[in-house]
Amino acid sequence: MVAVTKTKPVELLQAAYDLGLRIFGENKVQEMAAKQTVLPADIQWHLIGHLQSNKVKYMAPFVTLIHSVDSLKLLQEIDKQAAKVGRVIDCLLQVFIAQEETKFGLSAAELMDLLNDPLLATLAHVRVRGLMGMASNTEDLAQVRAEFKGLKQLFEQVKLGHYPPNIEFGELSMGMSGDYEIALQEGSTLIRVGSKLFGSR
């Protein structure tokens, strides 16, 4: 479980840490970097929001997992910044599964193109660990389930491919406070829970 801590004060994060939580997810790089400097060093920081290339350098020294990679260009920038600090950064590829235009992510065809791009094998400082998707913001739970089920099927399909060593499919990040139970039923390995833990913003 990723505890979504965006907009929450460090005192609340420390309290969550004291209760045993160790994986914190933030939407904005600057907010995550500021919190990282004052909280315990063994916290795993996940970037779950949309990521701009020019922000990668601020979190490259410490980020554990980036959930929201949606282009080869962004992977190349993560690789470049990770190399500067001598790290390999784990990433998930974000797939567009919702019915809303506001969500980011790759189509299934774009995902396959990225995974089969020969440039991917040259990125020694990133490791692609799986996929991430966000379901539509709707009361129609059947639609949400269908979107998660479709992403799981895509995940199982791409897992069978032959890839360079820096691709190790194991994680499927889907499900938030409102739909995590459906996501778990459909095969999620990482859920991103904020308001269920900390109350609504």
N, C-alpha and C. Protein backbone atom coordinates (compact mmCIF):
# COMPACT_ATOMS: atom_id res chain seq x y z
N MET A 1 0.83 -1.20 0.00
CA MET A 1 0.00 0.00 0.00
C MET A 1 0.87 1.25 0.00
N VAL A 2 0.55 2.16 -0.90
CA VAL A 2 1.22 3.46 -0.94
C VAL A 2 0.33 4.46 -0.23
N ALA A 3 0.83 5.04 0.85
CA ALA A 3 0.07 6.08 1.56
C ALA A 3 0.23 7.39 0.81
N VAL A 4 -0.86 7.89 0.26
CA VAL A 4 -0.80 9.12 -0.54
C VAL A 4 -0.82 10.31 0.40
N THR A 5 0.31 11.02 0.44
CA THR A 5 0.53 12.05 1.45
C THR A 5 0.55 13.46 0.88
N LYS A 6 0.14 13.62 -0.37
CA LYS A 6 0.15 14.96 -0.99
C LYS A 6 -0.68 15.95 -0.17
N THR A 7 -0.15 17.13 -0.02
CA THR A 7 -0.74 18.27 0.73
C THR A 7 -0.78 18.05 2.24
N LYS A 8 -0.35 16.88 2.71
CA LYS A 8 -0.41 16.61 4.16
C LYS A 8 0.86 17.14 4.84
N PRO A 9 0.73 17.68 6.06
CA PRO A 9 1.90 18.22 6.77
C PRO A 9 2.82 17.10 7.24
N VAL A 10 4.09 17.46 7.43
CA VAL A 10 5.08 16.45 7.82
C VAL A 10 4.74 15.81 9.16
N GLU A 11 4.07 16.54 10.03
CA GLU A 11 3.70 15.98 11.34
C GLU A 11 2.77 14.77 11.16
N LEU A 12 1.87 14.87 10.19
CA LEU A 12 0.95 13.77 9.92
C LEU A 12 1.69 12.59 9.30
N LEU A 13 2.66 12.90 8.43
CA LEU A 13 3.47 11.83 7.83
C LEU A 13 4.30 11.12 8.89
N GLN A 14 4.84 11.89 9.83
CA GLN A 14 5.63 11.30 10.91
C GLN A 14 4.74 10.39 11.76
N ALA A 15 3.51 10.82 12.01
CA ALA A 15 2.58 9.99 12.78
C ALA A 15 2.27 8.69 12.05
N ALA A 16 2.10 8.79 10.72
CA ALA A 16 1.85 7.60 9.91
C ALA A 16 3.07 6.67 9.93
N TYR A 17 4.24 7.27 9.88
CA TYR A 17 5.49 6.49 9.96
C TYR A 17 5.57 5.77 11.31
N ASP A 18 5.23 6.47 12.37
CA ASP A 18 5.29 5.89 13.72
C ASP A 18 4.33 4.71 13.87
N LEU A 19 3.27 4.69 13.06
CA LEU A 19 2.32 3.58 13.07
C LEU A 19 2.77 2.42 12.19
N GLY A 20 3.89 2.61 11.45
CA GLY A 20 4.44 1.52 10.66
C GLY A 20 4.41 1.70 9.16
N LEU A 21 3.82 2.78 8.67
CA LEU A 21 3.79 3.01 7.22
C LEU A 21 5.17 3.43 6.73
N ARG A 22 5.59 2.89 5.58
CA ARG A 22 6.93 3.18 5.06
C ARG A 22 6.93 3.63 3.61
N ILE A 23 5.82 3.46 2.90
CA ILE A 23 5.77 3.85 1.49
C ILE A 23 4.83 5.03 1.35
N PHE A 24 5.39 6.17 0.97
CA PHE A 24 4.61 7.40 0.85
C PHE A 24 4.60 7.84 -0.61
N GLY A 25 3.42 8.26 -1.08
CA GLY A 25 3.28 8.69 -2.47
C GLY A 25 2.93 10.16 -2.56
N GLU A 26 3.65 10.87 -3.41
CA GLU A 26 3.43 12.30 -3.61
C GLU A 26 3.14 12.60 -5.08
N ASN A 27 2.37 13.65 -5.32
CA ASN A 27 2.04 14.06 -6.69
C ASN A 27 3.04 15.05 -7.26
N LYS A 28 3.61 15.88 -6.40
CA LYS A 28 4.50 16.94 -6.87
C LYS A 28 5.92 16.71 -6.36
N VAL A 29 6.87 16.86 -7.27
CA VAL A 29 8.27 16.57 -6.97
C VAL A 29 8.79 17.49 -5.87
N GLN A 30 8.51 18.80 -5.99
CA GLN A 30 9.06 19.74 -5.00
C GLN A 30 8.54 19.44 -3.60
N GLU A 31 7.27 19.11 -3.48
CA GLU A 31 6.70 18.81 -2.17
C GLU A 31 7.34 17.55 -1.60
N MET A 32 7.53 16.54 -2.44
CA MET A 32 8.15 15.30 -1.99
C MET A 32 9.59 15.55 -1.55
N ALA A 33 10.34 16.33 -2.31
CA ALA A 33 11.74 16.60 -1.98
C ALA A 33 11.85 17.36 -0.66
N ALA A 34 10.95 18.29 -0.42
CA ALA A 34 10.98 19.04 0.83
C ALA A 34 10.69 18.14 2.03
N LYS A 35 9.74 17.25 1.88
CA LYS A 35 9.39 16.35 2.98
C LYS A 35 10.50 15.32 3.22
N GLN A 36 11.13 14.88 2.14
CA GLN A 36 12.15 13.83 2.25
C GLN A 36 13.31 14.27 3.13
N THR A 37 13.62 15.56 3.09
CA THR A 37 14.79 16.05 3.84
C THR A 37 14.57 16.06 5.35
N VAL A 38 13.30 16.05 5.80
CA VAL A 38 13.03 16.19 7.24
C VAL A 38 12.40 14.96 7.86
N LEU A 39 12.17 13.93 7.06
CA LEU A 39 11.53 12.71 7.57
C LEU A 39 12.52 11.54 7.56
N PRO A 40 12.21 10.44 8.25
CA PRO A 40 13.18 9.33 8.37
C PRO A 40 13.70 8.82 7.02
N ALA A 41 14.95 8.42 7.03
CA ALA A 41 15.65 8.06 5.79
C ALA A 41 15.18 6.75 5.18
N ASP A 42 14.49 5.90 5.95
CA ASP A 42 14.09 4.61 5.40
C ASP A 42 12.70 4.64 4.74
N ILE A 43 12.12 5.81 4.61
CA ILE A 43 10.85 5.93 3.88
C ILE A 43 11.11 5.68 2.39
N GLN A 44 10.22 4.92 1.77
CA GLN A 44 10.26 4.74 0.31
C GLN A 44 9.33 5.78 -0.30
N TRP A 45 9.90 6.63 -1.14
CA TRP A 45 9.13 7.71 -1.76
C TRP A 45 8.72 7.32 -3.18
N HIS A 46 7.41 7.36 -3.43
CA HIS A 46 6.86 7.06 -4.76
C HIS A 46 6.30 8.34 -5.37
N LEU A 47 6.67 8.63 -6.60
CA LEU A 47 6.08 9.76 -7.31
C LEU A 47 4.91 9.22 -8.11
N ILE A 48 3.69 9.66 -7.78
CA ILE A 48 2.50 9.09 -8.41
C ILE A 48 1.81 10.07 -9.35
N GLY A 49 2.23 11.34 -9.34
CA GLY A 49 1.60 12.33 -10.20
C GLY A 49 2.31 12.46 -11.54
N HIS A 50 1.70 13.24 -12.42
CA HIS A 50 2.31 13.49 -13.73
C HIS A 50 3.68 14.12 -13.55
N LEU A 51 4.66 13.65 -14.31
CA LEU A 51 6.05 14.08 -14.13
C LEU A 51 6.55 14.83 -15.36
N GLN A 52 7.09 16.03 -15.11
CA GLN A 52 7.74 16.80 -16.17
C GLN A 52 9.24 16.53 -16.14
N SER A 53 9.84 16.47 -17.31
CA SER A 53 11.26 16.11 -17.42
C SER A 53 12.16 17.02 -16.58
N ASN A 54 11.84 18.30 -16.54
CA ASN A 54 12.73 19.24 -15.84
C ASN A 54 12.68 19.11 -14.32
N LYS A 55 11.79 18.25 -13.80
CA LYS A 55 11.70 18.06 -12.34
C LYS A 55 12.43 16.80 -11.86
N VAL A 56 12.85 15.96 -12.80
CA VAL A 56 13.43 14.66 -12.43
C VAL A 56 14.65 14.82 -11.54
N LYS A 57 15.48 15.81 -11.85
CA LYS A 57 16.76 15.97 -11.14
C LYS A 57 16.58 16.20 -9.63
N TYR A 58 15.44 16.77 -9.24
CA TYR A 58 15.23 17.09 -7.83
C TYR A 58 14.94 15.86 -6.97
N MET A 59 14.49 14.78 -7.60
CA MET A 59 14.17 13.59 -6.81
C MET A 59 15.06 12.39 -7.14
N ALA A 60 15.90 12.54 -8.16
CA ALA A 60 16.75 11.41 -8.58
C ALA A 60 17.59 10.82 -7.46
N PRO A 61 18.07 11.62 -6.49
CA PRO A 61 18.91 11.04 -5.44
C PRO A 61 18.17 10.09 -4.49
N PHE A 62 16.84 10.16 -4.42
CA PHE A 62 16.17 9.39 -3.37
C PHE A 62 14.90 8.65 -3.79
N VAL A 63 14.25 9.00 -4.90
CA VAL A 63 12.95 8.40 -5.22
C VAL A 63 13.09 6.88 -5.39
N THR A 64 12.11 6.14 -4.87
CA THR A 64 12.14 4.68 -4.94
C THR A 64 11.45 4.17 -6.20
N LEU A 65 10.30 4.74 -6.52
CA LEU A 65 9.52 4.26 -7.67
C LEU A 65 8.74 5.42 -8.27
N ILE A 66 8.82 5.55 -9.60
CA ILE A 66 8.03 6.54 -10.33
C ILE A 66 6.90 5.80 -11.03
N HIS A 67 5.66 6.12 -10.68
CA HIS A 67 4.51 5.40 -11.21
C HIS A 67 4.05 5.91 -12.58
N SER A 68 4.49 7.10 -12.97
CA SER A 68 3.77 7.85 -14.02
C SER A 68 4.62 8.15 -15.25
N VAL A 69 5.40 7.20 -15.71
CA VAL A 69 6.23 7.41 -16.91
C VAL A 69 5.38 7.14 -18.15
N ASP A 70 5.31 8.14 -19.04
CA ASP A 70 4.44 7.98 -20.20
C ASP A 70 5.12 8.28 -21.54
N SER A 71 6.46 8.22 -21.55
CA SER A 71 7.17 8.40 -22.82
C SER A 71 8.60 7.90 -22.70
N LEU A 72 9.18 7.55 -23.83
CA LEU A 72 10.59 7.16 -23.87
C LEU A 72 11.47 8.36 -23.53
N LYS A 73 11.08 9.54 -23.97
CA LYS A 73 11.85 10.76 -23.67
C LYS A 73 11.98 10.95 -22.17
N LEU A 74 10.89 10.72 -21.43
CA LEU A 74 10.94 10.86 -19.98
C LEU A 74 11.84 9.80 -19.35
N LEU A 75 11.76 8.58 -19.85
CA LEU A 75 12.65 7.52 -19.36
C LEU A 75 14.12 7.88 -19.59
N GLN A 76 14.41 8.49 -20.73
CA GLN A 76 15.79 8.89 -21.03
C GLN A 76 16.28 9.95 -20.04
N GLU A 77 15.39 10.88 -19.67
CA GLU A 77 15.78 11.91 -18.72
C GLU A 77 15.98 11.30 -17.32
N ILE A 78 15.13 10.37 -16.93
CA ILE A 78 15.29 9.69 -15.64
C ILE A 78 16.62 8.94 -15.63
N ASP A 79 16.94 8.26 -16.72
CA ASP A 79 18.20 7.54 -16.84
C ASP A 79 19.39 8.50 -16.69
N LYS A 80 19.30 9.63 -17.36
CA LYS A 80 20.39 10.62 -17.32
C LYS A 80 20.62 11.15 -15.90
N GLN A 81 19.52 11.48 -15.21
CA GLN A 81 19.66 12.03 -13.86
C GLN A 81 20.05 10.95 -12.85
N ALA A 82 19.57 9.74 -13.05
CA ALA A 82 19.96 8.63 -12.16
C ALA A 82 21.44 8.32 -12.30
N ALA A 83 21.95 8.40 -13.53
CA ALA A 83 23.38 8.15 -13.77
C ALA A 83 24.25 9.16 -13.00
N LYS A 84 23.78 10.39 -12.94
CA LYS A 84 24.56 11.44 -12.25
C LYS A 84 24.72 11.15 -10.76
N VAL A 85 23.74 10.46 -10.19
CA VAL A 85 23.82 10.17 -8.74
C VAL A 85 24.12 8.70 -8.47
N GLY A 86 24.47 7.96 -9.52
CA GLY A 86 24.90 6.57 -9.36
C GLY A 86 23.82 5.62 -8.90
N ARG A 87 22.59 5.83 -9.39
CA ARG A 87 21.46 4.99 -8.97
C ARG A 87 20.78 4.35 -10.18
N VAL A 88 20.02 3.30 -9.91
CA VAL A 88 19.06 2.76 -10.87
C VAL A 88 17.68 3.05 -10.31
N ILE A 89 16.85 3.74 -11.07
CA ILE A 89 15.53 4.15 -10.58
C ILE A 89 14.45 3.26 -11.20
N ASP A 90 13.63 2.69 -10.34
CA ASP A 90 12.51 1.85 -10.79
C ASP A 90 11.37 2.73 -11.29
N CYS A 91 10.74 2.29 -12.38
CA CYS A 91 9.66 3.05 -13.01
C CYS A 91 8.51 2.13 -13.41
N LEU A 92 7.32 2.71 -13.42
CA LEU A 92 6.15 2.05 -14.00
C LEU A 92 5.71 2.86 -15.22
N LEU A 93 5.22 2.18 -16.23
CA LEU A 93 4.70 2.85 -17.41
C LEU A 93 3.21 3.09 -17.22
N GLN A 94 2.79 4.34 -17.34
CA GLN A 94 1.39 4.68 -17.13
C GLN A 94 0.59 4.45 -18.41
N VAL A 95 -0.47 3.66 -18.27
CA VAL A 95 -1.33 3.32 -19.41
C VAL A 95 -2.66 4.05 -19.24
N PHE A 96 -3.14 4.65 -20.31
CA PHE A 96 -4.42 5.36 -20.29
C PHE A 96 -5.55 4.35 -20.38
N ILE A 97 -6.35 4.24 -19.31
CA ILE A 97 -7.45 3.26 -19.33
C ILE A 97 -8.81 3.90 -19.09
N ALA A 98 -8.84 5.20 -18.74
CA ALA A 98 -10.09 5.85 -18.35
C ALA A 98 -10.86 6.37 -19.56
N GLN A 99 -12.08 6.80 -19.29
CA GLN A 99 -12.92 7.40 -20.32
C GLN A 99 -12.84 8.93 -20.28
N GLU A 100 -11.87 9.46 -19.55
CA GLU A 100 -11.75 10.90 -19.39
C GLU A 100 -10.51 11.41 -20.11
N GLU A 101 -10.64 12.56 -20.75
CA GLU A 101 -9.52 13.13 -21.48
C GLU A 101 -8.46 13.73 -20.56
N THR A 102 -8.78 13.90 -19.28
CA THR A 102 -7.85 14.56 -18.37
C THR A 102 -6.74 13.64 -17.88
N LYS A 103 -6.88 12.37 -18.09
CA LYS A 103 -5.88 11.42 -17.58
C LYS A 103 -4.71 11.27 -18.56
N PHE A 104 -3.52 11.11 -18.01
CA PHE A 104 -2.33 10.91 -18.83
C PHE A 104 -2.12 9.42 -19.07
N GLY A 105 -1.21 9.08 -19.98
CA GLY A 105 -0.85 7.68 -20.16
C GLY A 105 -0.71 7.27 -21.60
N LEU A 106 -0.12 6.09 -21.77
CA LEU A 106 0.12 5.50 -23.09
C LEU A 106 -1.09 4.67 -23.52
N SER A 107 -1.34 4.64 -24.80
CA SER A 107 -2.29 3.66 -25.34
C SER A 107 -1.59 2.30 -25.38
N ALA A 108 -2.36 1.25 -25.60
CA ALA A 108 -1.75 -0.09 -25.69
C ALA A 108 -0.73 -0.14 -26.82
N ALA A 109 -1.05 0.49 -27.95
CA ALA A 109 -0.13 0.49 -29.09
C ALA A 109 1.14 1.26 -28.77
N GLU A 110 0.99 2.42 -28.11
CA GLU A 110 2.17 3.22 -27.73
C GLU A 110 3.03 2.47 -26.72
N LEU A 111 2.40 1.73 -25.81
CA LEU A 111 3.14 0.93 -24.84
C LEU A 111 4.00 -0.11 -25.54
N MET A 112 3.42 -0.82 -26.51
CA MET A 112 4.17 -1.85 -27.22
C MET A 112 5.31 -1.22 -28.02
N ASP A 113 5.07 -0.07 -28.62
CA ASP A 113 6.13 0.62 -29.37
C ASP A 113 7.29 0.98 -28.44
N LEU A 114 6.96 1.49 -27.26
CA LEU A 114 8.01 1.88 -26.31
C LEU A 114 8.81 0.66 -25.86
N LEU A 115 8.10 -0.42 -25.51
CA LEU A 115 8.78 -1.61 -25.01
C LEU A 115 9.66 -2.26 -26.07
N ASN A 116 9.32 -2.06 -27.32
CA ASN A 116 10.10 -2.67 -28.42
C ASN A 116 11.11 -1.71 -29.03
N ASP A 117 11.22 -0.51 -28.48
CA ASP A 117 12.18 0.46 -29.00
C ASP A 117 13.60 0.05 -28.59
N PRO A 118 14.52 -0.09 -29.55
CA PRO A 118 15.89 -0.52 -29.21
C PRO A 118 16.61 0.44 -28.26
N LEU A 119 16.18 1.69 -28.21
CA LEU A 119 16.82 2.65 -27.30
C LEU A 119 16.61 2.26 -25.84
N LEU A 120 15.54 1.55 -25.55
CA LEU A 120 15.24 1.19 -24.17
C LEU A 120 16.36 0.36 -23.54
N ALA A 121 16.97 -0.49 -24.31
CA ALA A 121 18.04 -1.35 -23.81
C ALA A 121 19.30 -0.56 -23.43
N THR A 122 19.42 0.67 -23.92
CA THR A 122 20.61 1.47 -23.63
C THR A 122 20.51 2.23 -22.30
N LEU A 123 19.35 2.17 -21.67
CA LEU A 123 19.13 2.94 -20.44
C LEU A 123 19.53 2.10 -19.22
N ALA A 124 20.78 2.25 -18.80
CA ALA A 124 21.34 1.39 -17.75
C ALA A 124 20.93 1.83 -16.35
N HIS A 125 20.33 3.00 -16.24
CA HIS A 125 20.02 3.52 -14.89
C HIS A 125 18.52 3.63 -14.62
N VAL A 126 17.71 2.98 -15.45
CA VAL A 126 16.29 2.83 -15.14
C VAL A 126 15.93 1.36 -15.23
N ARG A 127 14.90 0.99 -14.47
CA ARG A 127 14.38 -0.37 -14.54
C ARG A 127 12.85 -0.27 -14.61
N VAL A 128 12.28 -0.78 -15.68
CA VAL A 128 10.83 -0.77 -15.84
C VAL A 128 10.26 -1.97 -15.08
N ARG A 129 9.46 -1.69 -14.05
CA ARG A 129 8.98 -2.74 -13.15
C ARG A 129 7.54 -3.16 -13.40
N GLY A 130 6.81 -2.42 -14.26
CA GLY A 130 5.43 -2.80 -14.50
C GLY A 130 4.62 -1.65 -15.06
N LEU A 131 3.31 -1.70 -14.79
CA LEU A 131 2.37 -0.73 -15.36
C LEU A 131 1.57 -0.05 -14.25
N MET A 132 1.06 1.13 -14.58
CA MET A 132 0.15 1.87 -13.70
C MET A 132 -1.02 2.36 -14.53
N GLY A 133 -2.21 2.39 -13.92
CA GLY A 133 -3.37 2.96 -14.58
C GLY A 133 -4.34 3.55 -13.57
N MET A 134 -5.08 4.56 -14.03
CA MET A 134 -6.11 5.21 -13.20
C MET A 134 -7.45 5.03 -13.88
N ALA A 135 -8.40 4.46 -13.15
CA ALA A 135 -9.73 4.23 -13.70
C ALA A 135 -10.51 5.54 -13.79
N SER A 136 -11.58 5.52 -14.56
CA SER A 136 -12.46 6.68 -14.68
C SER A 136 -13.03 7.07 -13.32
N ASN A 137 -13.22 8.36 -13.12
CA ASN A 137 -13.85 8.87 -11.90
C ASN A 137 -15.36 8.81 -12.10
N THR A 138 -15.94 7.66 -11.78
CA THR A 138 -17.35 7.42 -12.06
C THR A 138 -17.96 6.57 -10.96
N GLU A 139 -19.27 6.69 -10.80
CA GLU A 139 -20.00 5.85 -9.86
C GLU A 139 -20.27 4.46 -10.44
N ASP A 140 -20.02 4.30 -11.73
CA ASP A 140 -20.28 3.04 -12.42
C ASP A 140 -19.15 2.05 -12.11
N LEU A 141 -19.35 1.24 -11.08
CA LEU A 141 -18.29 0.32 -10.64
C LEU A 141 -18.01 -0.77 -11.67
N ALA A 142 -19.00 -1.09 -12.48
CA ALA A 142 -18.79 -2.09 -13.53
C ALA A 142 -17.79 -1.56 -14.55
N GLN A 143 -17.87 -0.27 -14.85
CA GLN A 143 -16.92 0.34 -15.78
C GLN A 143 -15.51 0.36 -15.18
N VAL A 144 -15.42 0.72 -13.90
CA VAL A 144 -14.13 0.73 -13.20
C VAL A 144 -13.52 -0.68 -13.24
N ARG A 145 -14.32 -1.68 -12.94
CA ARG A 145 -13.82 -3.06 -12.95
C ARG A 145 -13.34 -3.45 -14.35
N ALA A 146 -14.09 -3.07 -15.36
CA ALA A 146 -13.71 -3.41 -16.73
C ALA A 146 -12.38 -2.75 -17.11
N GLU A 147 -12.17 -1.52 -16.65
CA GLU A 147 -10.92 -0.83 -16.95
C GLU A 147 -9.74 -1.51 -16.25
N PHE A 148 -9.92 -1.88 -14.98
CA PHE A 148 -8.86 -2.59 -14.27
C PHE A 148 -8.60 -3.96 -14.90
N LYS A 149 -9.66 -4.65 -15.25
CA LYS A 149 -9.51 -5.98 -15.85
C LYS A 149 -8.74 -5.88 -17.17
N GLY A 150 -9.05 -4.85 -17.96
CA GLY A 150 -8.35 -4.66 -19.22
C GLY A 150 -6.87 -4.39 -19.03
N LEU A 151 -6.53 -3.60 -18.01
CA LEU A 151 -5.13 -3.31 -17.74
C LEU A 151 -4.40 -4.56 -17.27
N LYS A 152 -5.06 -5.37 -16.44
CA LYS A 152 -4.43 -6.62 -15.99
C LYS A 152 -4.17 -7.55 -17.17
N GLN A 153 -5.11 -7.62 -18.11
CA GLN A 153 -4.91 -8.45 -19.30
C GLN A 153 -3.74 -7.95 -20.12
N LEU A 154 -3.64 -6.62 -20.26
CA LEU A 154 -2.51 -6.03 -20.99
C LEU A 154 -1.20 -6.32 -20.27
N PHE A 155 -1.21 -6.21 -18.96
CA PHE A 155 -0.04 -6.50 -18.13
C PHE A 155 0.44 -7.94 -18.36
N GLU A 156 -0.50 -8.89 -18.32
CA GLU A 156 -0.14 -10.30 -18.52
C GLU A 156 0.37 -10.53 -19.94
N GLN A 157 -0.18 -9.80 -20.90
CA GLN A 157 0.25 -9.95 -22.29
C GLN A 157 1.68 -9.44 -22.48
N VAL A 158 1.96 -8.22 -21.98
CA VAL A 158 3.29 -7.65 -22.21
C VAL A 158 4.35 -8.37 -21.39
N LYS A 159 3.96 -8.97 -20.27
CA LYS A 159 4.91 -9.72 -19.45
C LYS A 159 5.58 -10.86 -20.21
N LEU A 160 4.89 -11.37 -21.23
CA LEU A 160 5.38 -12.53 -21.98
C LEU A 160 6.42 -12.17 -23.02
N GLY A 161 6.65 -10.87 -23.24
CA GLY A 161 7.59 -10.44 -24.27
C GLY A 161 9.04 -10.69 -23.87
N HIS A 162 9.91 -10.61 -24.86
CA HIS A 162 11.35 -10.76 -24.63
C HIS A 162 11.98 -9.38 -24.63
N TYR A 163 12.48 -8.98 -23.48
CA TYR A 163 12.95 -7.62 -23.30
C TYR A 163 14.39 -7.60 -22.79
N PRO A 164 15.02 -6.43 -22.85
CA PRO A 164 16.37 -6.30 -22.26
C PRO A 164 16.30 -6.43 -20.74
N PRO A 165 17.47 -6.60 -20.09
CA PRO A 165 17.49 -6.85 -18.64
C PRO A 165 16.89 -5.74 -17.78
N ASN A 166 16.78 -4.53 -18.32
CA ASN A 166 16.25 -3.43 -17.51
C ASN A 166 14.72 -3.38 -17.51
N ILE A 167 14.08 -4.42 -18.01
CA ILE A 167 12.62 -4.54 -17.92
C ILE A 167 12.29 -5.80 -17.14
N GLU A 168 11.68 -5.62 -15.97
CA GLU A 168 11.32 -6.74 -15.09
C GLU A 168 9.89 -6.54 -14.62
N PHE A 169 8.94 -7.09 -15.34
CA PHE A 169 7.53 -6.85 -15.00
C PHE A 169 7.14 -7.61 -13.74
N GLY A 170 6.73 -6.85 -12.70
CA GLY A 170 6.27 -7.48 -11.47
C GLY A 170 5.19 -6.70 -10.76
N GLU A 171 5.11 -5.38 -11.05
CA GLU A 171 4.17 -4.52 -10.32
C GLU A 171 3.06 -4.01 -11.22
N LEU A 172 1.85 -4.01 -10.67
CA LEU A 172 0.69 -3.45 -11.35
C LEU A 172 0.03 -2.48 -10.38
N SER A 173 0.22 -1.19 -10.62
CA SER A 173 -0.27 -0.15 -9.72
C SER A 173 -1.63 0.35 -10.22
N MET A 174 -2.69 -0.04 -9.51
CA MET A 174 -4.03 0.47 -9.86
C MET A 174 -4.90 0.39 -8.62
N GLY A 175 -5.76 1.39 -8.48
CA GLY A 175 -6.65 1.44 -7.34
C GLY A 175 -6.29 2.55 -6.38
N MET A 176 -7.32 3.35 -5.99
CA MET A 176 -7.15 4.43 -5.03
C MET A 176 -8.21 4.25 -3.93
N SER A 177 -8.38 5.26 -3.09
CA SER A 177 -9.28 5.12 -1.94
C SER A 177 -10.68 4.65 -2.34
N GLY A 178 -11.18 5.16 -3.46
CA GLY A 178 -12.55 4.85 -3.84
C GLY A 178 -12.75 3.53 -4.56
N ASP A 179 -11.66 2.94 -5.06
CA ASP A 179 -11.84 1.73 -5.88
C ASP A 179 -10.77 0.67 -5.64
N TYR A 180 -10.04 0.79 -4.52
CA TYR A 180 -8.92 -0.14 -4.30
C TYR A 180 -9.38 -1.58 -4.13
N GLU A 181 -10.58 -1.79 -3.57
CA GLU A 181 -11.05 -3.17 -3.37
C GLU A 181 -11.25 -3.86 -4.71
N ILE A 182 -11.84 -3.15 -5.68
CA ILE A 182 -12.01 -3.70 -7.02
C ILE A 182 -10.64 -3.94 -7.65
N ALA A 183 -9.74 -2.98 -7.48
CA ALA A 183 -8.39 -3.11 -8.06
C ALA A 183 -7.68 -4.35 -7.53
N LEU A 184 -7.78 -4.59 -6.21
CA LEU A 184 -7.15 -5.78 -5.62
C LEU A 184 -7.77 -7.06 -6.18
N GLN A 185 -9.09 -7.06 -6.34
CA GLN A 185 -9.76 -8.23 -6.91
C GLN A 185 -9.30 -8.50 -8.34
N GLU A 186 -8.94 -7.42 -9.04
CA GLU A 186 -8.55 -7.56 -10.45
C GLU A 186 -7.03 -7.70 -10.63
N GLY A 187 -6.28 -7.80 -9.53
CA GLY A 187 -4.87 -8.15 -9.65
C GLY A 187 -3.85 -7.08 -9.37
N SER A 188 -4.29 -5.97 -8.76
CA SER A 188 -3.33 -4.91 -8.42
C SER A 188 -2.33 -5.40 -7.38
N THR A 189 -1.07 -4.96 -7.53
CA THR A 189 -0.05 -5.26 -6.52
C THR A 189 0.30 -4.02 -5.70
N LEU A 190 -0.12 -2.84 -6.16
CA LEU A 190 0.15 -1.59 -5.45
C LEU A 190 -1.13 -0.75 -5.48
N ILE A 191 -1.64 -0.38 -4.31
CA ILE A 191 -2.78 0.53 -4.27
C ILE A 191 -2.33 1.85 -3.66
N ARG A 192 -2.93 2.94 -4.14
CA ARG A 192 -2.53 4.28 -3.72
C ARG A 192 -3.68 4.88 -2.90
N VAL A 193 -3.51 4.89 -1.58
CA VAL A 193 -4.61 5.24 -0.68
C VAL A 193 -4.28 6.51 0.10
N GLY A 194 -5.12 7.53 -0.06
CA GLY A 194 -4.92 8.78 0.65
C GLY A 194 -6.06 9.12 1.58
N SER A 195 -7.22 9.45 1.02
CA SER A 195 -8.34 9.93 1.84
C SER A 195 -8.85 8.87 2.81
N LYS A 196 -8.74 7.59 2.47
CA LYS A 196 -9.16 6.52 3.39
C LYS A 196 -8.25 6.48 4.62
N LEU A 197 -7.02 6.95 4.47
CA LEU A 197 -6.08 6.98 5.61
C LEU A 197 -6.12 8.30 6.35
N PHE A 198 -6.13 9.40 5.60
CA PHE A 198 -5.91 10.71 6.20
C PHE A 198 -7.14 11.61 6.18
N GLY A 199 -8.25 11.14 5.59
CA GLY A 199 -9.41 11.99 5.43
C GLY A 199 -9.30 12.79 4.14
N SER A 200 -10.41 13.34 3.70
CA SER A 200 -10.40 14.06 2.42
C SER A 200 -9.69 15.39 2.59
N ARG A 201 -9.13 15.88 1.48
CA ARG A 201 -8.37 17.13 1.51
C ARG A 201 -9.32 18.32 1.69
